[in-house]
Amino acid sequence: MGNLLYLIAVILIIVWIFGAFVTPFGGGLIHILLVIAIIAILLRVIKGA
């Protein structure tokens, strides 16, 4: 489950970068996804999994 969460976080970050710099879409939604991705990565680091 942890690996899946990490994979989703990485994908969300890549989508955010693509959306923010290549084709702006989604407005605030993409930033919310970025925050969720960062939280997921931080949780993984804190838990040490």
PDB file of N, CA and C in Angstrom:
ATOM      1  N   MET A   1       0.827  -1.198   0.000  1.00  0.00           N
ATOM      2  CA  MET A   1       0.000   0.000   0.000  1.00  0.00           C
ATOM      3  C   MET A   1       0.868   1.257   0.000  1.00  0.00           C
ATOM      4  N   GLY A   2       1.983   1.220   0.738  1.00  0.00           N
ATOM      5  CA  GLY A   2       2.868   2.372   0.805  1.00  0.00           C
ATOM      6  C   GLY A   2       3.487   2.692  -0.543  1.00  0.00           C
ATOM      7  N   ASN A   3       3.857   1.644  -1.281  1.00  0.00           N
ATOM      8  CA  ASN A   3       4.449   1.861  -2.603  1.00  0.00           C
ATOM      9  C   ASN A   3       3.450   2.494  -3.557  1.00  0.00           C
ATOM     10  N   LEU A   4       2.205   2.086  -3.461  1.00  0.00           N
ATOM     11  CA  LEU A   4       1.168   2.641  -4.313  1.00  0.00           C
ATOM     12  C   LEU A   4       0.956   4.117  -3.994  1.00  0.00           C
ATOM     13  N   LEU A   5       0.939   4.464  -2.714  1.00  0.00           N
ATOM     14  CA  LEU A   5       0.776   5.852  -2.303  1.00  0.00           C
ATOM     15  C   LEU A   5       1.932   6.708  -2.815  1.00  0.00           C
ATOM     16  N   TYR A   6       3.134   6.174  -2.716  1.00  0.00           N
ATOM     17  CA  TYR A   6       4.324   6.892  -3.201  1.00  0.00           C
ATOM     18  C   TYR A   6       4.240   7.082  -4.715  1.00  0.00           C
ATOM     19  N   LEU A   7       3.826   6.058  -5.433  1.00  0.00           N
ATOM     20  CA  LEU A   7       3.695   6.141  -6.884  1.00  0.00           C
ATOM     21  C   LEU A   7       2.666   7.193  -7.276  1.00  0.00           C
ATOM     22  N   ILE A   8       1.540   7.226  -6.587  1.00  0.00           N
ATOM     23  CA  ILE A   8       0.513   8.223  -6.874  1.00  0.00           C
ATOM     24  C   ILE A   8       1.043   9.622  -6.618  1.00  0.00           C
ATOM     25  N   ALA A   9       1.797   9.788  -5.536  1.00  0.00           N
ATOM     26  CA  ALA A   9       2.367  11.099  -5.211  1.00  0.00           C
ATOM     27  C   ALA A   9       3.315  11.564  -6.310  1.00  0.00           C
ATOM     28  N   VAL A  10       4.159  10.682  -6.786  1.00  0.00           N
ATOM     29  CA  VAL A  10       5.109  11.034  -7.848  1.00  0.00           C
ATOM     30  C   VAL A  10       4.361  11.391  -9.130  1.00  0.00           C
ATOM     31  N   ILE A  11       3.346  10.638  -9.456  1.00  0.00           N
ATOM     32  CA  ILE A  11       2.557  10.927 -10.655  1.00  0.00           C
ATOM     33  C   ILE A  11       1.875  12.283 -10.536  1.00  0.00           C
ATOM     34  N   LEU A  12       1.336  12.592  -9.345  1.00  0.00           N
ATOM     35  CA  LEU A  12       0.684  13.882  -9.151  1.00  0.00           C
ATOM     36  C   LEU A  12       1.666  15.037  -9.304  1.00  0.00           C
ATOM     37  N   ILE A  13       2.879  14.867  -8.815  1.00  0.00           N
ATOM     38  CA  ILE A  13       3.887  15.914  -8.959  1.00  0.00           C
ATOM     39  C   ILE A  13       4.243  16.113 -10.427  1.00  0.00           C
ATOM     40  N   ILE A  14       4.390  15.030 -11.162  1.00  0.00           N
ATOM     41  CA  ILE A  14       4.706  15.125 -12.593  1.00  0.00           C
ATOM     42  C   ILE A  14       3.568  15.807 -13.342  1.00  0.00           C
ATOM     43  N   VAL A  15       2.331  15.456 -13.020  1.00  0.00           N
ATOM     44  CA  VAL A  15       1.172  16.084 -13.665  1.00  0.00           C
ATOM     45  C   VAL A  15       1.119  17.570 -13.325  1.00  0.00           C
ATOM     46  N   TRP A  16       1.460  17.919 -12.067  1.00  0.00           N
ATOM     47  CA  TRP A  16       1.467  19.330 -11.672  1.00  0.00           C
ATOM     48  C   TRP A  16       2.503  20.111 -12.473  1.00  0.00           C
ATOM     49  N   ILE A  17       3.697  19.556 -12.589  1.00  0.00           N
ATOM     50  CA  ILE A  17       4.747  20.235 -13.347  1.00  0.00           C
ATOM     51  C   ILE A  17       4.309  20.404 -14.800  1.00  0.00           C
ATOM     52  N   PHE A  18       3.754  19.355 -15.354  1.00  0.00           N
ATOM     53  CA  PHE A  18       3.294  19.421 -16.746  1.00  0.00           C
ATOM     54  C   PHE A  18       2.194  20.465 -16.890  1.00  0.00           C
ATOM     55  N   GLY A  19       1.256  20.465 -15.976  1.00  0.00           N
ATOM     56  CA  GLY A  19       0.130  21.391 -16.054  1.00  0.00           C
ATOM     57  C   GLY A  19       0.514  22.830 -15.775  1.00  0.00           C
ATOM     58  N   ALA A  20       1.459  23.042 -14.877  1.00  0.00           N
ATOM     59  CA  ALA A  20       1.827  24.399 -14.504  1.00  0.00           C
ATOM     60  C   ALA A  20       2.693  25.073 -15.563  1.00  0.00           C
ATOM     61  N   PHE A  21       3.533  24.312 -16.240  1.00  0.00           N
ATOM     62  CA  PHE A  21       4.502  24.922 -17.142  1.00  0.00           C
ATOM     63  C   PHE A  21       4.258  24.664 -18.623  1.00  0.00           C
ATOM     64  N   VAL A  22       3.462  23.670 -18.946  1.00  0.00           N
ATOM     65  CA  VAL A  22       3.250  23.357 -20.357  1.00  0.00           C
ATOM     66  C   VAL A  22       1.858  23.788 -20.800  1.00  0.00           C
ATOM     67  N   THR A  23       0.840  23.240 -20.178  1.00  0.00           N
ATOM     68  CA  THR A  23      -0.534  23.581 -20.535  1.00  0.00           C
ATOM     69  C   THR A  23      -1.325  23.854 -19.260  1.00  0.00           C
ATOM     70  N   PRO A  24      -1.470  25.111 -18.895  1.00  0.00           N
ATOM     71  CA  PRO A  24      -2.212  25.417 -17.670  1.00  0.00           C
ATOM     72  C   PRO A  24      -3.657  24.906 -17.745  1.00  0.00           C
ATOM     73  N   PHE A  25      -4.011  24.067 -16.793  1.00  0.00           N
ATOM     74  CA  PHE A  25      -5.371  23.547 -16.742  1.00  0.00           C
ATOM     75  C   PHE A  25      -5.742  23.274 -15.299  1.00  0.00           C
ATOM     76  N   GLY A  26      -7.010  23.333 -15.011  1.00  0.00           N
ATOM     77  CA  GLY A  26      -7.485  22.949 -13.692  1.00  0.00           C
ATOM     78  C   GLY A  26      -7.360  24.025 -12.635  1.00  0.00           C
ATOM     79  N   GLY A  27      -6.641  25.081 -12.893  1.00  0.00           N
ATOM     80  CA  GLY A  27      -6.521  26.167 -11.932  1.00  0.00           C
ATOM     81  C   GLY A  27      -6.057  25.699 -10.572  1.00  0.00           C
ATOM     82  N   GLY A  28      -6.870  25.907  -9.559  1.00  0.00           N
ATOM     83  CA  GLY A  28      -6.512  25.555  -8.191  1.00  0.00           C
ATOM     84  C   GLY A  28      -6.481  24.056  -7.952  1.00  0.00           C
ATOM     85  N   LEU A  29      -7.173  23.299  -8.780  1.00  0.00           N
ATOM     86  CA  LEU A  29      -7.242  21.845  -8.582  1.00  0.00           C
ATOM     87  C   LEU A  29      -5.864  21.212  -8.643  1.00  0.00           C
ATOM     88  N   ILE A  30      -5.046  21.637  -9.569  1.00  0.00           N
ATOM     89  CA  ILE A  30      -3.728  21.030  -9.716  1.00  0.00           C
ATOM     90  C   ILE A  30      -2.852  21.346  -8.514  1.00  0.00           C
ATOM     91  N   HIS A  31      -3.059  22.496  -7.893  1.00  0.00           N
ATOM     92  CA  HIS A  31      -2.284  22.840  -6.706  1.00  0.00           C
ATOM     93  C   HIS A  31      -2.733  22.014  -5.502  1.00  0.00           C
ATOM     94  N   ILE A  32      -4.009  21.723  -5.440  1.00  0.00           N
ATOM     95  CA  ILE A  32      -4.519  20.849  -4.383  1.00  0.00           C
ATOM     96  C   ILE A  32      -3.914  19.454  -4.531  1.00  0.00           C
ATOM     97  N   LEU A  33      -3.820  18.976  -5.758  1.00  0.00           N
ATOM     98  CA  LEU A  33      -3.208  17.669  -6.005  1.00  0.00           C
ATOM     99  C   LEU A  33      -1.744  17.670  -5.599  1.00  0.00           C
ATOM    100  N   LEU A  34      -1.052  18.779  -5.842  1.00  0.00           N
ATOM    101  CA  LEU A  34       0.351  18.881  -5.449  1.00  0.00           C
ATOM    102  C   LEU A  34       0.483  18.801  -3.931  1.00  0.00           C
ATOM    103  N   VAL A  35      -0.365  19.500  -3.217  1.00  0.00           N
ATOM    104  CA  VAL A  35      -0.317  19.468  -1.757  1.00  0.00           C
ATOM    105  C   VAL A  35      -0.563  18.049  -1.254  1.00  0.00           C
ATOM    106  N   ILE A  36      -1.512  17.355  -1.835  1.00  0.00           N
ATOM    107  CA  ILE A  36      -1.786  15.969  -1.446  1.00  0.00           C
ATOM    108  C   ILE A  36      -0.569  15.097  -1.715  1.00  0.00           C
ATOM    109  N   ALA A  37       0.091  15.314  -2.848  1.00  0.00           N
ATOM    110  CA  ALA A  37       1.280  14.528  -3.180  1.00  0.00           C
ATOM    111  C   ALA A  37       2.400  14.785  -2.184  1.00  0.00           C
ATOM    112  N   ILE A  38       2.620  16.035  -1.812  1.00  0.00           N
ATOM    113  CA  ILE A  38       3.673  16.364  -0.856  1.00  0.00           C
ATOM    114  C   ILE A  38       3.366  15.761   0.507  1.00  0.00           C
ATOM    115  N   ILE A  39       2.118  15.833   0.930  1.00  0.00           N
ATOM    116  CA  ILE A  39       1.727  15.235   2.212  1.00  0.00           C
ATOM    117  C   ILE A  39       1.973  13.731   2.187  1.00  0.00           C
ATOM    118  N   ALA A  40       1.644  13.079   1.078  1.00  0.00           N
ATOM    119  CA  ALA A  40       1.840  11.637   0.971  1.00  0.00           C
ATOM    120  C   ALA A  40       3.331  11.284   1.078  1.00  0.00           C
ATOM    121  N   ILE A  41       4.179  12.069   0.432  1.00  0.00           N
ATOM    122  CA  ILE A  41       5.617  11.811   0.489  1.00  0.00           C
ATOM    123  C   ILE A  41       6.134  12.046   1.903  1.00  0.00           C
ATOM    124  N   LEU A  42       5.693  13.133   2.540  1.00  0.00           N
ATOM    125  CA  LEU A  42       6.129  13.416   3.907  1.00  0.00           C
ATOM    126  C   LEU A  42       5.701  12.320   4.873  1.00  0.00           C
ATOM    127  N   LEU A  43       4.488  11.831   4.734  1.00  0.00           N
ATOM    128  CA  LEU A  43       4.022  10.746   5.592  1.00  0.00           C
ATOM    129  C   LEU A  43       4.884   9.501   5.417  1.00  0.00           C
ATOM    130  N   ARG A  44       5.247   9.223   4.183  1.00  0.00           N
ATOM    131  CA  ARG A  44       6.098   8.057   3.916  1.00  0.00           C
ATOM    132  C   ARG A  44       7.480   8.223   4.543  1.00  0.00           C
ATOM    133  N   VAL A  45       8.047   9.430   4.448  1.00  0.00           N
ATOM    134  CA  VAL A  45       9.359   9.694   5.021  1.00  0.00           C
ATOM    135  C   VAL A  45       9.310   9.616   6.545  1.00  0.00           C
ATOM    136  N   ILE A  46       8.271  10.213   7.133  1.00  0.00           N
ATOM    137  CA  ILE A  46       8.140  10.223   8.587  1.00  0.00           C
ATOM    138  C   ILE A  46       7.973   8.818   9.139  1.00  0.00           C
ATOM    139  N   LYS A  47       7.160   8.012   8.466  1.00  0.00           N
ATOM    140  CA  LYS A  47       6.929   6.642   8.932  1.00  0.00           C
ATOM    141  C   LYS A  47       8.134   5.753   8.663  1.00  0.00           C
ATOM    142  N   GLY A  48       9.015   6.175   7.785  1.00  0.00           N
ATOM    143  CA  GLY A  48      10.225   5.422   7.488  1.00  0.00           C
ATOM    144  C   GLY A  48       9.988   4.149   6.694  1.00  0.00           C
ATOM    145  N   ALA A  49       8.878   4.107   5.991  1.00  0.00           N
ATOM    146  CA  ALA A  49       8.550   2.899   5.223  1.00  0.00           C
ATOM    147  C   ALA A  49       9.155   2.964   3.848  1.00  0.00           C
TER     148      ALA A  49
END
